[in-house]
Structures are given as structure tokens and as C-alpha cells.
N, C-alpha and C. Protein backbone atom coordinates (compact mmCIF):
# COMPACT_ATOMS: atom_id res chain seq x y z
N MET A 1 78.26 81.63 21.35
CA MET A 1 77.83 82.00 20.45
C MET A 1 78.40 82.83 19.65
N GLY A 2 78.14 82.25 18.43
CA GLY A 2 78.52 83.51 17.23
C GLY A 2 77.65 83.47 16.46
N THR A 3 78.34 85.00 15.80
CA THR A 3 77.15 85.82 14.92
C THR A 3 77.71 85.64 13.47
N SER A 4 76.70 86.67 12.47
CA SER A 4 77.47 86.38 11.10
C SER A 4 78.65 87.66 11.02
N ALA A 5 78.38 88.21 12.13
CA ALA A 5 79.36 89.58 12.29
C ALA A 5 80.55 89.24 12.87
N LYS A 6 80.82 88.29 13.92
CA LYS A 6 81.40 87.75 14.56
C LYS A 6 81.19 86.38 14.66
N PRO A 7 81.69 85.53 14.13
CA PRO A 7 81.69 84.07 14.29
C PRO A 7 81.76 83.36 15.41
N ARG A 8 82.21 82.35 15.92
CA ARG A 8 82.55 81.30 16.99
C ARG A 8 83.25 80.77 16.33
N LEU A 9 85.14 80.51 16.62
CA LEU A 9 85.99 79.55 16.01
C LEU A 9 85.73 78.77 16.95
N SER A 10 85.78 77.31 16.67
CA SER A 10 85.37 75.85 16.82
C SER A 10 86.47 75.51 17.20
N VAL A 11 87.62 74.55 17.85
CA VAL A 11 88.75 74.10 17.74
C VAL A 11 88.34 72.54 18.18
N PHE A 12 88.27 71.50 17.21
CA PHE A 12 88.22 69.85 17.95
C PHE A 12 89.65 69.26 17.74
N ARG A 13 90.46 68.52 19.27
CA ARG A 13 91.67 68.41 18.98
C ARG A 13 91.10 66.50 19.20
N SER A 14 91.63 65.31 18.35
CA SER A 14 91.58 64.44 18.56
C SER A 14 93.01 63.99 18.84
N ASN A 15 93.29 62.68 18.86
CA ASN A 15 95.03 62.33 19.42
C ASN A 15 95.66 62.46 18.25
N THR A 16 95.68 62.48 16.88
CA THR A 16 96.36 62.28 15.97
C THR A 16 95.67 63.56 14.95
N GLU A 17 94.67 63.90 15.08
CA GLU A 17 93.95 65.03 14.13
C GLU A 17 93.51 66.85 14.70
N ILE A 18 93.90 67.78 14.43
CA ILE A 18 93.03 68.98 14.73
C ILE A 18 91.93 69.46 13.57
N TYR A 19 91.14 70.06 14.00
CA TYR A 19 89.93 70.53 12.98
C TYR A 19 89.42 71.98 13.77
N ALA A 20 89.34 73.22 12.94
CA ALA A 20 88.78 74.38 13.36
C ALA A 20 88.11 74.55 12.06
N GLN A 21 86.86 75.51 12.84
CA GLN A 21 85.58 75.92 12.14
C GLN A 21 85.56 77.26 12.59
N LEU A 22 84.66 78.05 11.28
CA LEU A 22 83.67 79.42 11.63
C LEU A 22 82.98 79.39 11.98
N ILE A 23 81.90 79.45 12.54
CA ILE A 23 80.49 78.74 12.52
C ILE A 23 79.55 80.02 13.43
N ASP A 24 78.11 80.42 12.11
CA ASP A 24 77.09 81.29 12.39
C ASP A 24 76.01 80.71 13.39
N ASP A 25 76.47 80.51 14.26
CA ASP A 25 74.94 80.27 15.52
C ASP A 25 74.13 80.68 15.12
N ASP A 26 73.42 81.95 14.66
CA ASP A 26 72.26 82.20 14.38
C ASP A 26 71.66 81.60 13.35
N SER A 27 72.42 81.18 12.54
CA SER A 27 72.03 80.62 11.17
C SER A 27 72.32 79.02 11.31
N ALA A 28 72.87 78.76 12.01
CA ALA A 28 73.86 77.30 11.86
C ALA A 28 74.25 76.66 10.91
N LYS A 29 75.41 77.57 10.65
CA LYS A 29 75.84 77.54 9.05
C LYS A 29 78.00 77.37 10.02
N THR A 30 78.46 76.52 9.11
CA THR A 30 79.35 76.84 8.74
C THR A 30 80.22 77.64 8.07
N ILE A 31 81.08 78.29 8.43
CA ILE A 31 81.24 79.58 7.18
C ILE A 31 83.11 79.07 6.83
N ALA A 32 83.91 78.99 7.28
CA ALA A 32 85.28 78.75 6.87
C ALA A 32 85.72 77.34 7.61
N SER A 33 86.41 76.16 7.13
CA SER A 33 87.05 75.18 7.90
C SER A 33 88.45 75.08 7.41
N ALA A 34 89.16 74.27 8.63
CA ALA A 34 90.36 73.84 8.12
C ALA A 34 90.28 72.63 8.97
N SER A 35 91.52 71.86 8.32
CA SER A 35 92.04 70.83 9.61
C SER A 35 93.50 70.24 8.98
N SER A 36 93.87 69.39 10.28
CA SER A 36 94.88 69.33 9.69
C SER A 36 95.35 68.16 8.65
N ARG A 37 93.93 67.57 7.61
CA ARG A 37 93.64 66.62 7.15
C ARG A 37 93.74 66.97 5.35
N ASP A 38 93.73 68.89 5.87
CA ASP A 38 94.24 69.02 3.96
C ASP A 38 95.19 68.42 3.73
N LYS A 39 94.95 68.87 2.30
CA LYS A 39 96.04 68.34 1.45
C LYS A 39 97.22 68.96 1.57
N ASP A 40 97.46 70.11 1.82
CA ASP A 40 98.09 71.07 1.93
C ASP A 40 99.19 71.05 2.78
N ILE A 41 98.24 70.96 4.44
CA ILE A 41 98.90 70.89 5.63
C ILE A 41 99.16 69.45 5.62
N ALA A 42 98.95 68.61 5.85
CA ALA A 42 98.85 66.65 5.58
C ALA A 42 100.37 66.47 5.13
N ALA A 43 100.57 67.06 3.95
CA ALA A 43 101.77 66.84 3.21
C ALA A 43 102.72 67.36 3.99
N GLN A 44 103.19 68.01 4.38
CA GLN A 44 104.07 68.29 5.20
C GLN A 44 104.47 67.40 6.40
N LYS A 45 105.89 67.85 6.79
CA LYS A 45 106.56 67.10 7.48
C LYS A 45 106.54 67.79 8.87
N ALA A 46 105.73 67.57 9.50
CA ALA A 46 105.86 69.17 10.76
C ALA A 46 105.31 67.97 11.97
N THR A 47 105.27 68.28 13.05
CA THR A 47 105.21 68.06 14.22
C THR A 47 103.53 68.11 14.90
N LYS A 48 102.71 68.02 15.45
CA LYS A 48 101.31 67.93 15.66
C LYS A 48 101.01 69.64 16.06
N VAL A 49 102.00 70.11 16.72
CA VAL A 49 102.10 71.74 17.27
C VAL A 49 101.97 72.65 15.86
N GLU A 50 103.67 72.13 14.98
CA GLU A 50 103.56 73.11 14.24
C GLU A 50 102.50 73.12 13.10
N LYS A 51 101.71 71.76 13.15
CA LYS A 51 100.41 71.50 11.82
C LYS A 51 99.41 72.40 12.21
N ALA A 52 99.12 72.47 13.98
CA ALA A 52 97.88 72.95 14.57
C ALA A 52 98.25 74.49 14.04
N LYS A 53 99.04 74.70 13.92
CA LYS A 53 99.25 76.43 14.19
C LYS A 53 99.35 76.85 12.41
N LEU A 54 99.57 75.69 11.24
CA LEU A 54 99.14 76.02 9.90
C LEU A 54 98.22 75.60 9.74
N VAL A 55 96.84 74.90 10.51
CA VAL A 55 95.69 75.05 10.29
C VAL A 55 95.13 76.55 10.93
N GLY A 56 95.54 77.12 11.91
CA GLY A 56 95.09 78.02 12.38
C GLY A 56 95.16 79.32 11.89
N SER A 57 96.62 79.47 10.53
CA SER A 57 96.74 80.13 9.44
C SER A 57 95.48 79.75 8.54
N ALA A 58 95.94 78.99 8.18
CA ALA A 58 95.07 78.73 7.54
C ALA A 58 93.30 79.08 7.05
N LEU A 59 92.72 78.84 8.71
CA LEU A 59 91.72 79.34 8.74
C LEU A 59 90.92 80.80 9.18
N GLY A 60 92.60 81.35 9.53
CA GLY A 60 92.61 83.16 9.08
C GLY A 60 92.56 83.16 7.85
N ARG A 61 93.67 83.06 6.83
CA ARG A 61 93.39 83.57 5.55
C ARG A 61 92.01 82.86 5.02
N LYS A 62 91.40 82.26 5.33
CA LYS A 62 89.91 82.01 4.60
C LYS A 62 89.24 83.10 5.57
N ALA A 63 89.53 83.31 6.65
CA ALA A 63 88.18 83.94 7.17
C ALA A 63 88.48 85.99 6.72
N SER A 64 89.71 86.25 6.50
CA SER A 64 89.99 87.23 5.74
C SER A 64 89.60 87.46 4.23
N ASP A 65 89.62 86.57 3.63
CA ASP A 65 89.33 86.39 2.27
C ASP A 65 87.47 86.57 2.05
N LEU A 66 86.96 86.37 3.11
CA LEU A 66 85.38 86.50 3.35
C LEU A 66 84.90 87.86 4.35
N GLY A 67 86.25 88.37 4.82
CA GLY A 67 86.10 90.15 5.29
C GLY A 67 85.93 89.39 6.63
N ILE A 68 85.85 88.43 7.60
CA ILE A 68 85.89 88.35 8.59
C ILE A 68 87.31 88.82 9.66
N THR A 69 87.15 89.85 10.58
CA THR A 69 88.61 89.81 11.21
C THR A 69 88.27 89.70 12.77
N GLN A 70 87.08 89.44 13.10
CA GLN A 70 86.91 89.27 14.49
C GLN A 70 86.01 88.08 14.87
N CYS A 71 86.14 87.24 16.11
CA CYS A 71 85.83 86.29 16.22
C CYS A 71 85.62 85.64 17.52
N ASN A 72 84.87 84.80 18.31
CA ASN A 72 85.01 84.40 19.53
C ASN A 72 85.67 83.15 19.34
N PHE A 73 86.46 83.19 20.02
CA PHE A 73 87.70 81.67 20.27
C PHE A 73 86.71 80.40 21.30
N ASP A 74 86.45 79.48 20.63
CA ASP A 74 85.81 78.28 21.33
C ASP A 74 86.43 77.07 21.56
N ARG A 75 87.51 77.14 23.06
CA ARG A 75 88.82 75.67 22.54
C ARG A 75 87.62 74.41 23.16
N GLY A 76 86.39 74.03 22.96
CA GLY A 76 85.94 73.06 23.10
C GLY A 76 86.21 72.19 24.57
N GLY A 77 86.45 72.86 25.35
CA GLY A 77 86.86 71.87 26.65
C GLY A 77 88.10 71.76 26.75
N ASN A 78 89.06 71.77 26.06
CA ASN A 78 90.55 71.46 26.14
C ASN A 78 91.32 72.89 26.77
N LEU A 79 92.05 72.34 27.40
CA LEU A 79 93.17 73.19 28.07
C LEU A 79 93.48 74.04 27.03
N TYR A 80 93.86 75.74 27.19
CA TYR A 80 94.45 76.53 26.34
C TYR A 80 96.25 76.51 26.35
N HIS A 81 96.03 75.55 25.44
CA HIS A 81 97.87 74.65 26.10
C HIS A 81 97.86 73.79 24.52
N GLY A 82 99.02 74.13 24.62
CA GLY A 82 99.95 72.68 23.42
C GLY A 82 99.36 73.37 22.06
N ARG A 83 97.85 72.56 21.22
CA ARG A 83 98.00 72.55 19.82
C ARG A 83 96.74 73.33 19.79
N VAL A 84 95.76 73.37 21.19
CA VAL A 84 94.55 74.51 21.20
C VAL A 84 95.26 76.30 21.00
N LYS A 85 96.41 76.04 21.94
CA LYS A 85 97.07 77.33 21.45
C LYS A 85 97.69 78.02 20.12
N SER A 86 98.47 76.49 19.56
CA SER A 86 99.16 77.07 18.56
C SER A 86 97.98 77.23 17.13
N VAL A 87 96.57 76.93 17.16
CA VAL A 87 95.85 77.10 16.46
C VAL A 87 94.95 78.70 16.35
N ALA A 88 95.38 78.92 17.75
CA ALA A 88 95.11 80.24 18.01
C ALA A 88 96.01 81.25 17.73
N ASP A 89 97.31 80.65 18.10
CA ASP A 89 98.09 81.92 17.26
C ASP A 89 98.40 81.89 15.59
N GLY A 90 98.25 81.01 15.77
CA GLY A 90 98.50 81.02 13.89
C GLY A 90 96.91 81.90 13.58
N ALA A 91 95.85 81.56 13.95
CA ALA A 91 94.47 82.50 13.60
C ALA A 91 94.81 84.23 13.50
N ARG A 92 95.76 84.06 14.56
CA ARG A 92 95.87 85.64 15.39
C ARG A 92 97.06 86.61 14.41
N GLU A 93 98.04 85.52 13.89
CA GLU A 93 99.09 86.07 12.81
C GLU A 93 98.44 86.14 11.44
N ALA A 94 97.75 85.22 11.29
CA ALA A 94 96.88 85.95 10.10
C ALA A 94 95.60 86.88 9.83
N GLY A 95 95.35 87.23 11.10
CA GLY A 95 94.78 88.23 11.21
C GLY A 95 93.44 88.58 11.93
N LEU A 96 92.54 87.56 12.23
CA LEU A 96 91.76 87.18 12.91
C LEU A 96 91.94 88.00 14.68
N LYS A 97 91.12 88.89 15.03
CA LYS A 97 91.28 89.43 16.23
C LYS A 97 90.17 88.29 17.16
N PHE A 98 90.24 87.97 19.08
CA PHE A 98 89.18 87.66 19.68
C PHE A 98 89.90 87.77 20.84
């Protein structure tokens, strides 16, 4: 569950792409989002795990611009391993705490 002060960082992983959103569940709105399909991330030649880390850091930068420092991590039923872990690591390096 996410609030406006501490939103939920939701991660969706498909076979080829990865998407991350900061969601305020109280008002049912997405505060910020990033994905591996964003132009700056998709243009880079990197593995899926490296792109996942870029997605996490991009979302972390957007969150810090909005003044968000804490969130709840929602791995979406996936194991905390590989690309899901890379998103979390990238977001932590960008300043988010969960």
C-alpha cells in the first residue's frame, strides 16, 4: 500500500522489457514512472539487467525531483533476483529508501 508521503514502487517485468512506477494508492494515481522503453534507456546498448538498473536510477531521479525519499517496494510477485533486484539497486543508488 502506498501513500502520497511514502508511495509504492511497483515493478512489472515482461520477457523483454521492465517497467517501474511510483503509485499513490490513496488517490489511485501514478506519481512517476520509468521503463526500458524510454528513449534514453532504449538507445543504450546494454543487457536487460543493466537496463533494469538504469530504469531504477531514472525513477529515483524523478522521485528526488518530486521530493520523495521513501517508498514501499512491490516486486509484483517476481523473485527478488536479477532484473527486479537491479531496479531496486538503481533506485537505492539514486536516493530512494525502502
